[in-house]
C-alpha atoms as a PDB file:
ATOM      1  CA  UNK A   1     -33.752 -30.276 -41.110  1.00  0.00           C
ATOM      2  CA  UNK A   2     -30.942 -31.379 -43.659  1.00  0.00           C
ATOM      3  CA  UNK A   3     -31.466 -30.101 -47.104  1.00  0.00           C
ATOM      4  CA  UNK A   4     -30.933 -32.138 -50.197  1.00  0.00           C
ATOM      5  CA  UNK A   5     -27.568 -31.049 -51.708  1.00  0.00           C
ATOM      6  CA  UNK A   6     -27.427 -31.617 -55.655  1.00  0.00           C
ATOM      7  CA  UNK A   7     -26.157 -29.048 -57.287  1.00  0.00           C
ATOM      8  CA  UNK A   8     -28.689 -27.328 -60.156  1.00  0.00           C
ATOM      9  CA  UNK A   9     -27.068 -27.938 -63.491  1.00  0.00           C
ATOM     10  CA  UNK A  10     -24.631 -30.604 -62.530  1.00  0.00           C
ATOM     11  CA  UNK A  11     -24.840 -34.442 -63.677  1.00  0.00           C
ATOM     12  CA  UNK A  12     -26.826 -36.661 -61.107  1.00  0.00           C
ATOM     13  CA  UNK A  13     -25.759 -39.923 -59.904  1.00  0.00           C
ATOM     14  CA  UNK A  14     -27.848 -42.511 -58.178  1.00  0.00           C
ATOM     15  CA  UNK A  15     -26.141 -44.955 -55.729  1.00  0.00           C
ATOM     16  CA  UNK A  16     -28.106 -48.185 -54.331  1.00  0.00           C
ATOM     17  CA  UNK A  17     -27.900 -50.306 -51.541  1.00  0.00           C
ATOM     18  CA  UNK A  18     -29.047 -53.814 -52.902  1.00  0.00           C
ATOM     19  CA  UNK A  19     -30.397 -55.967 -49.913  1.00  0.00           C
ATOM     20  CA  UNK A  20     -33.916 -54.531 -49.019  1.00  0.00           C
ATOM     21  CA  UNK A  21     -33.682 -51.887 -51.429  1.00  0.00           C
ATOM     22  CA  UNK A  22     -33.392 -53.431 -54.929  1.00  0.00           C
ATOM     23  CA  UNK A  23     -33.380 -57.129 -53.842  1.00  0.00           C
ATOM     24  CA  UNK A  24     -35.854 -58.936 -51.231  1.00  0.00           C
ATOM     25  CA  UNK A  25     -33.486 -60.997 -49.308  1.00  0.00           C
ATOM     26  CA  UNK A  26     -35.053 -60.892 -45.756  1.00  0.00           C
ATOM     27  CA  UNK A  27     -36.386 -64.195 -45.881  1.00  0.00           C
ATOM     28  CA  UNK A  28     -32.950 -65.722 -47.097  1.00  0.00           C
ATOM     29  CA  UNK A  29     -31.180 -63.898 -44.808  1.00  0.00           C
ATOM     30  CA  UNK A  30     -33.178 -64.824 -41.793  1.00  0.00           C
ATOM     31  CA  UNK A  31     -32.555 -68.654 -43.421  1.00  0.00           C
ATOM     32  CA  UNK A  32     -29.065 -68.019 -43.779  1.00  0.00           C
ATOM     33  CA  UNK A  33     -28.626 -66.997 -39.912  1.00  0.00           C
ATOM     34  CA  UNK A  34     -30.902 -69.642 -38.751  1.00  0.00           C
ATOM     35  CA  UNK A  35     -28.676 -72.591 -40.004  1.00  0.00           C
ATOM     36  CA  UNK A  36     -25.502 -70.910 -39.132  1.00  0.00           C
ATOM     37  CA  UNK A  37     -26.843 -70.601 -35.368  1.00  0.00           C
ATOM     38  CA  UNK A  38     -28.296 -74.300 -35.442  1.00  0.00           C
ATOM     39  CA  UNK A  39     -24.841 -75.743 -36.448  1.00  0.00           C
ATOM     40  CA  UNK A  40     -23.444 -73.917 -33.208  1.00  0.00           C
ATOM     41  CA  UNK A  41     -26.345 -74.907 -31.040  1.00  0.00           C
ATOM     42  CA  UNK A  42     -27.593 -71.348 -30.785  1.00  0.00           C
ATOM     43  CA  UNK A  43     -31.257 -69.407 -30.750  1.00  0.00           C
ATOM     44  CA  UNK A  44     -31.905 -68.737 -34.312  1.00  0.00           C
ATOM     45  CA  UNK A  45     -34.024 -65.896 -33.484  1.00  0.00           C
ATOM     46  CA  UNK A  46     -31.908 -64.278 -31.267  1.00  0.00           C
ATOM     47  CA  UNK A  47     -28.649 -64.674 -33.377  1.00  0.00           C
ATOM     48  CA  UNK A  48     -30.918 -63.195 -36.458  1.00  0.00           C
ATOM     49  CA  UNK A  49     -31.890 -60.212 -34.018  1.00  0.00           C
ATOM     50  CA  UNK A  50     -28.194 -59.349 -33.424  1.00  0.00           C
ATOM     51  CA  UNK A  51     -27.158 -59.916 -36.856  1.00  0.00           C
ATOM     52  CA  UNK A  52     -29.562 -57.288 -37.896  1.00  0.00           C
ATOM     53  CA  UNK A  53     -27.776 -54.802 -35.721  1.00  0.00           C
ATOM     54  CA  UNK A  54     -23.956 -55.723 -36.557  1.00  0.00           C
ATOM     55  CA  UNK A  55     -21.715 -56.938 -38.894  1.00  0.00           C
ATOM     56  CA  UNK A  56     -20.884 -60.417 -38.852  1.00  0.00           C
ATOM     57  CA  UNK A  57     -17.781 -60.019 -36.773  1.00  0.00           C
ATOM     58  CA  UNK A  58     -19.375 -58.478 -34.441  1.00  0.00           C
ATOM     59  CA  UNK A  59     -22.131 -60.579 -34.564  1.00  0.00           C
ATOM     60  CA  UNK A  60     -19.936 -63.570 -33.743  1.00  0.00           C
ATOM     61  CA  UNK A  61     -18.154 -61.945 -30.811  1.00  0.00           C
ATOM     62  CA  UNK A  62     -21.406 -61.233 -29.104  1.00  0.00           C
ATOM     63  CA  UNK A  63     -23.284 -64.728 -29.819  1.00  0.00           C
ATOM     64  CA  UNK A  64     -19.878 -67.316 -29.594  1.00  0.00           C
ATOM     65  CA  UNK A  65     -17.067 -65.111 -27.910  1.00  0.00           C
ATOM     66  CA  UNK A  66     -15.470 -68.234 -27.325  1.00  0.00           C
ATOM     67  CA  UNK A  67     -15.146 -69.472 -30.828  1.00  0.00           C
ATOM     68  CA  UNK A  68     -12.579 -68.514 -33.794  1.00  0.00           C
ATOM     69  CA  UNK A  69     -14.224 -65.699 -35.545  1.00  0.00           C
ATOM     70  CA  UNK A  70     -12.646 -66.625 -38.932  1.00  0.00           C
ATOM     71  CA  UNK A  71     -14.130 -70.397 -38.700  1.00  0.00           C
ATOM     72  CA  UNK A  72     -17.421 -68.645 -37.865  1.00  0.00           C
ATOM     73  CA  UNK A  73     -17.113 -66.134 -40.976  1.00  0.00           C
ATOM     74  CA  UNK A  74     -15.962 -69.186 -43.033  1.00  0.00           C
ATOM     75  CA  UNK A  75     -19.243 -71.246 -42.341  1.00  0.00           C
ATOM     76  CA  UNK A  76     -21.396 -68.327 -42.954  1.00  0.00           C
ATOM     77  CA  UNK A  77     -19.940 -67.506 -46.372  1.00  0.00           C
ATOM     78  CA  UNK A  78     -20.398 -71.280 -47.233  1.00  0.00           C
ATOM     79  CA  UNK A  79     -24.215 -70.853 -46.369  1.00  0.00           C
ATOM     80  CA  UNK A  80     -24.297 -67.664 -48.191  1.00  0.00           C
ATOM     81  CA  UNK A  81     -22.880 -68.996 -51.354  1.00  0.00           C
ATOM     82  CA  UNK A  82     -25.189 -71.968 -50.981  1.00  0.00           C
ATOM     83  CA  UNK A  83     -27.928 -69.688 -51.056  1.00  0.00           C
ATOM     84  CA  UNK A  84     -27.225 -67.535 -54.057  1.00  0.00           C
ATOM     85  CA  UNK A  85     -27.266 -70.954 -55.963  1.00  0.00           C
ATOM     86  CA  UNK A  86     -30.242 -72.473 -54.747  1.00  0.00           C
ATOM     87  CA  UNK A  87     -32.388 -69.726 -52.613  1.00  0.00           C
ATOM     88  CA  UNK A  88     -35.310 -68.412 -53.778  1.00  0.00           C
ATOM     89  CA  UNK A  89     -35.260 -64.675 -54.773  1.00  0.00           C
ATOM     90  CA  UNK A  90     -37.354 -61.730 -55.930  1.00  0.00           C
ATOM     91  CA  UNK A  91     -36.372 -58.205 -57.179  1.00  0.00           C
ATOM     92  CA  UNK A  92     -38.700 -55.294 -55.683  1.00  0.00           C
ATOM     93  CA  UNK A  93     -41.488 -54.641 -58.113  1.00  0.00           C
ATOM     94  CA  UNK A  94     -39.957 -51.805 -60.300  1.00  0.00           C
ATOM     95  CA  UNK A  95     -36.416 -52.397 -60.095  1.00  0.00           C
ATOM     96  CA  UNK A  96     -35.689 -53.857 -63.428  1.00  0.00           C
ATOM     97  CA  UNK A  97     -37.448 -51.337 -65.282  1.00  0.00           C
ATOM     98  CA  UNK A  98     -35.816 -48.392 -63.096  1.00  0.00           C
ATOM     99  CA  UNK A  99     -32.098 -49.471 -63.476  1.00  0.00           C
ATOM    100  CA  UNK A 100     -32.809 -50.155 -67.321  1.00  0.00           C
ATOM    101  CA  UNK A 101     -33.635 -46.862 -67.853  1.00  0.00           C
ATOM    102  CA  UNK A 102     -30.732 -45.109 -65.927  1.00  0.00           C
ATOM    103  CA  UNK A 103     -27.838 -44.114 -67.990  1.00  0.00           C
ATOM    104  CA  UNK A 104     -24.883 -46.324 -67.807  1.00  0.00           C
ATOM    105  CA  UNK A 105     -22.007 -44.952 -65.984  1.00  0.00           C
ATOM    106  CA  UNK A 106     -24.631 -42.773 -63.971  1.00  0.00           C
ATOM    107  CA  UNK A 107     -25.316 -45.225 -61.103  1.00  0.00           C
ATOM    108  CA  UNK A 108     -23.589 -47.822 -59.243  1.00  0.00           C
ATOM    109  CA  UNK A 109     -24.318 -50.316 -56.477  1.00  0.00           C
ATOM    110  CA  UNK A 110     -23.044 -50.113 -52.708  1.00  0.00           C
ATOM    111  CA  UNK A 111     -23.503 -52.888 -50.815  1.00  0.00           C
ATOM    112  CA  UNK A 112     -22.240 -54.733 -47.539  1.00  0.00           C
ATOM    113  CA  UNK A 113     -21.940 -58.212 -49.454  1.00  0.00           C
ATOM    114  CA  UNK A 114     -19.756 -59.314 -52.084  1.00  0.00           C
ATOM    115  CA  UNK A 115     -19.935 -58.929 -55.344  1.00  0.00           C
ATOM    116  CA  UNK A 116     -19.855 -62.136 -56.764  1.00  0.00           C
ATOM    117  CA  UNK A 117     -23.338 -63.015 -54.715  1.00  0.00           C
ATOM    118  CA  UNK A 118     -24.604 -59.776 -55.779  1.00  0.00           C
ATOM    119  CA  UNK A 119     -24.087 -60.963 -59.671  1.00  0.00           C
ATOM    120  CA  UNK A 120     -25.224 -64.260 -59.020  1.00  0.00           C
ATOM    121  CA  UNK A 121     -28.442 -62.914 -57.439  1.00  0.00           C
ATOM    122  CA  UNK A 122     -29.140 -60.069 -60.342  1.00  0.00           C
ATOM    123  CA  UNK A 123     -28.452 -62.703 -62.899  1.00  0.00           C
ATOM    124  CA  UNK A 124     -31.131 -65.000 -61.126  1.00  0.00           C
ATOM    125  CA  UNK A 125     -33.570 -62.269 -61.264  1.00  0.00           C
ATOM    126  CA  UNK A 126     -32.657 -60.380 -64.203  1.00  0.00           C
ATOM    127  CA  UNK A 127     -31.400 -57.247 -63.010  1.00  0.00           C
ATOM    128  CA  UNK A 128     -28.784 -55.143 -64.652  1.00  0.00           C
ATOM    129  CA  UNK A 129     -25.361 -55.005 -62.923  1.00  0.00           C
ATOM    130  CA  UNK A 130     -23.946 -51.712 -63.553  1.00  0.00           C
ATOM    131  CA  UNK A 131     -20.187 -50.631 -64.029  1.00  0.00           C
ATOM    132  CA  UNK A 132     -19.668 -49.637 -60.631  1.00  0.00           C
ATOM    133  CA  UNK A 133     -19.938 -52.133 -57.228  1.00  0.00           C
ATOM    134  CA  UNK A 134     -18.637 -51.529 -54.424  1.00  0.00           C
ATOM    135  CA  UNK A 135     -18.745 -54.272 -52.068  1.00  0.00           C
ATOM    136  CA  UNK A 136     -17.609 -55.447 -48.968  1.00  0.00           C
ATOM    137  CA  UNK A 137     -14.464 -56.465 -49.948  1.00  0.00           C
ATOM    138  CA  UNK A 138     -13.557 -53.196 -51.769  1.00  0.00           C
ATOM    139  CA  UNK A 139     -13.517 -50.725 -48.534  1.00  0.00           C
ATOM    140  CA  UNK A 140     -11.751 -51.153 -45.144  1.00  0.00           C
ATOM    141  CA  UNK A 141     -14.766 -49.445 -43.301  1.00  0.00           C
ATOM    142  CA  UNK A 142     -18.368 -50.678 -44.021  1.00  0.00           C
ATOM    143  CA  UNK A 143     -21.627 -48.805 -43.644  1.00  0.00           C
ATOM    144  CA  UNK A 144     -22.546 -46.464 -41.428  1.00  0.00           C
ATOM    145  CA  UNK A 145     -18.923 -45.232 -42.131  1.00  0.00           C
ATOM    146  CA  UNK A 146     -19.144 -42.815 -45.356  1.00  0.00           C
ATOM    147  CA  UNK A 147     -16.388 -44.770 -47.049  1.00  0.00           C
ATOM    148  CA  UNK A 148     -18.241 -47.029 -49.260  1.00  0.00           C
ATOM    149  CA  UNK A 149     -20.327 -44.151 -50.273  1.00  0.00           C
ATOM    150  CA  UNK A 150     -17.499 -42.123 -51.218  1.00  0.00           C
ATOM    151  CA  UNK A 151     -15.977 -44.732 -52.873  1.00  0.00           C
ATOM    152  CA  UNK A 152     -18.711 -45.113 -55.306  1.00  0.00           C
ATOM    153  CA  UNK A 153     -18.806 -41.444 -56.022  1.00  0.00           C
ATOM    154  CA  UNK A 154     -15.015 -41.424 -56.826  1.00  0.00           C
ATOM    155  CA  UNK A 155     -15.382 -44.341 -59.191  1.00  0.00           C
ATOM    156  CA  UNK A 156     -18.225 -42.537 -61.045  1.00  0.00           C
ATOM    157  CA  UNK A 157     -15.993 -39.768 -61.108  1.00  0.00           C
ATOM    158  CA  UNK A 158     -18.998 -37.804 -59.070  1.00  0.00           C
ATOM    159  CA  UNK A 159     -19.093 -35.291 -56.581  1.00  0.00           C
ATOM    160  CA  UNK A 160     -20.820 -36.324 -53.294  1.00  0.00           C
ATOM    161  CA  UNK A 161     -23.522 -33.334 -53.526  1.00  0.00           C
ATOM    162  CA  UNK A 162     -24.564 -34.691 -56.929  1.00  0.00           C
ATOM    163  CA  UNK A 163     -25.220 -38.195 -55.529  1.00  0.00           C
ATOM    164  CA  UNK A 164     -28.623 -39.631 -54.753  1.00  0.00           C
ATOM    165  CA  UNK A 165     -28.309 -42.513 -52.203  1.00  0.00           C
ATOM    166  CA  UNK A 166     -31.181 -44.853 -51.977  1.00  0.00           C
ATOM    167  CA  UNK A 167     -31.705 -47.136 -48.996  1.00  0.00           C
ATOM    168  CA  UNK A 168     -33.585 -49.096 -46.335  1.00  0.00           C
ATOM    169  CA  UNK A 169     -31.477 -49.433 -43.468  1.00  0.00           C
ATOM    170  CA  UNK A 170     -30.325 -47.056 -40.830  1.00  0.00           C
ATOM    171  CA  UNK A 171     -26.750 -47.965 -40.997  1.00  0.00           C
ATOM    172  CA  UNK A 172     -26.866 -46.935 -45.036  1.00  0.00           C
ATOM    173  CA  UNK A 173     -28.832 -43.831 -44.391  1.00  0.00           C
ATOM    174  CA  UNK A 174     -26.003 -43.050 -41.720  1.00  0.00           C
ATOM    175  CA  UNK A 175     -23.581 -43.776 -44.402  1.00  0.00           C
ATOM    176  CA  UNK A 176     -24.887 -41.479 -47.334  1.00  0.00           C
ATOM    177  CA  UNK A 177     -25.643 -38.399 -44.788  1.00  0.00           C
ATOM    178  CA  UNK A 178     -21.813 -38.792 -43.589  1.00  0.00           C
ATOM    179  CA  UNK A 179     -20.824 -38.610 -47.063  1.00  0.00           C
ATOM    180  CA  UNK A 180     -22.320 -35.401 -47.629  1.00  0.00           C
ATOM    181  CA  UNK A 181     -25.245 -37.091 -50.132  1.00  0.00           C
ATOM    182  CA  UNK A 182     -29.064 -36.748 -50.839  1.00  0.00           C
ATOM    183  CA  UNK A 183     -30.543 -39.880 -49.536  1.00  0.00           C
ATOM    184  CA  UNK A 184     -34.041 -41.154 -49.826  1.00  0.00           C
ATOM    185  CA  UNK A 185     -35.590 -44.177 -47.880  1.00  0.00           C
ATOM    186  CA  UNK A 186     -37.445 -46.962 -49.409  1.00  0.00           C
ATOM    187  CA  UNK A 187     -39.403 -50.143 -48.643  1.00  0.00           C
ATOM    188  CA  UNK A 188     -39.939 -49.309 -44.912  1.00  0.00           C
ATOM    189  CA  UNK A 189     -43.375 -48.357 -43.608  1.00  0.00           C
ATOM    190  CA  UNK A 190     -41.902 -45.523 -41.665  1.00  0.00           C
ATOM    191  CA  UNK A 191     -39.026 -42.936 -42.340  1.00  0.00           C
ATOM    192  CA  UNK A 192     -35.702 -43.713 -41.329  1.00  0.00           C
ATOM    193  CA  UNK A 193     -34.291 -41.365 -39.336  1.00  0.00           C
ATOM    194  CA  UNK A 194     -32.301 -38.473 -41.632  1.00  0.00           C
ATOM    195  CA  UNK A 195     -33.690 -39.530 -45.143  1.00  0.00           C
ATOM    196  CA  UNK A 196     -34.720 -36.218 -46.935  1.00  0.00           C
ATOM    197  CA  UNK A 197     -37.794 -38.054 -48.742  1.00  0.00           C
ATOM    198  CA  UNK A 198     -39.223 -41.246 -47.874  1.00  0.00           C
ATOM    199  CA  UNK A 199     -41.177 -43.627 -49.856  1.00  0.00           C
ATOM    200  CA  UNK A 200     -43.146 -46.635 -48.885  1.00  0.00           C
ATOM    201  CA  UNK A 201     -41.960 -49.009 -51.796  1.00  0.00           C
ATOM    202  CA  UNK A 202     -39.178 -48.748 -54.571  1.00  0.00           C
ATOM    203  CA  UNK A 203     -42.022 -48.560 -57.486  1.00  0.00           C
ATOM    204  CA  UNK A 204     -43.530 -45.640 -55.881  1.00  0.00           C
ATOM    205  CA  UNK A 205     -39.905 -43.897 -55.644  1.00  0.00           C
ATOM    206  CA  UNK A 206     -38.609 -44.579 -59.228  1.00  0.00           C
ATOM    207  CA  UNK A 207     -40.504 -41.708 -60.994  1.00  0.00           C
ATOM    208  CA  UNK A 208     -38.643 -39.241 -58.606  1.00  0.00           C
ATOM    209  CA  UNK A 209     -35.514 -41.196 -59.055  1.00  0.00           C
ATOM    210  CA  UNK A 210     -35.615 -40.840 -62.443  1.00  0.00           C
ATOM    211  CA  UNK A 211     -36.574 -37.194 -62.498  1.00  0.00           C
ATOM    212  CA  UNK A 212     -33.569 -36.621 -60.004  1.00  0.00           C
ATOM    213  CA  UNK A 213     -30.858 -38.366 -62.445  1.00  0.00           C
ATOM    214  CA  UNK A 214     -32.189 -36.516 -65.300  1.00  0.00           C
ATOM    215  CA  UNK A 215     -32.209 -33.287 -63.516  1.00  0.00           C
ATOM    216  CA  UNK A 216     -35.543 -32.338 -63.916  1.00  0.00           C
ATOM    217  CA  UNK A 217     -36.390 -32.137 -60.408  1.00  0.00           C
ATOM    218  CA  UNK A 218     -35.265 -29.470 -58.494  1.00  0.00           C
ATOM    219  CA  UNK A 219     -33.887 -30.195 -54.820  1.00  0.00           C
ATOM    220  CA  UNK A 220     -36.300 -29.753 -51.996  1.00  0.00           C
ATOM    221  CA  UNK A 221     -35.395 -27.802 -49.079  1.00  0.00           C
ATOM    222  CA  UNK A 222     -35.962 -29.870 -45.802  1.00  0.00           C
ATOM    223  CA  UNK A 223     -36.632 -33.384 -45.230  1.00  0.00           C
ATOM    224  CA  UNK A 224     -39.769 -34.545 -46.347  1.00  0.00           C
ATOM    225  CA  UNK A 225     -41.501 -37.928 -45.549  1.00  0.00           C
ATOM    226  CA  UNK A 226     -44.041 -37.419 -48.012  1.00  0.00           C
ATOM    227  CA  UNK A 227     -44.966 -39.523 -50.922  1.00  0.00           C
END
């Protein structure tokens, strides 16, 4: 088991994934991919299954290998931008209170989406946007590479071992672990492999996240799936 890495007495930082962690966008993502698949005469369910495991360009290579990937990506972006304007979004229970309670400059968003979409969604759901947002355009290598989380830590002036990553997806968990950070999982019925702690909901995790950020909680040794 991997132990949590935060140094006693050091300033703590919290790095959040967005979709599935702070924002419930599962239905939106499924609808966007369904509409995209129907444009190309594909099975929407099969396309969505592939999209859940891969990045868009990799999805295109699997489901429409004969089509121009840039054309496919442009169509997807058009649908996603439209969804930000008119789709129905909800922040997870406790997200707003948690983000407002964190000290400015001590937390960041690390997303595989684009910043303008995150800002649009956050504006519609009343969530606070931090000073640091690392999005798909910020790095050459996305999750599960450690690069996105390391980029966020560098922008915050933080050491990786003093950062707590909050994730819901396997690729994000692998990214945080590879970056040398403590990783907690939320909003999944079962723990994602590798997480140091698992919480069934963000609301359940919020008090522990705030305790970590304040330095009040001593790092636990060994992974835990309790709580």
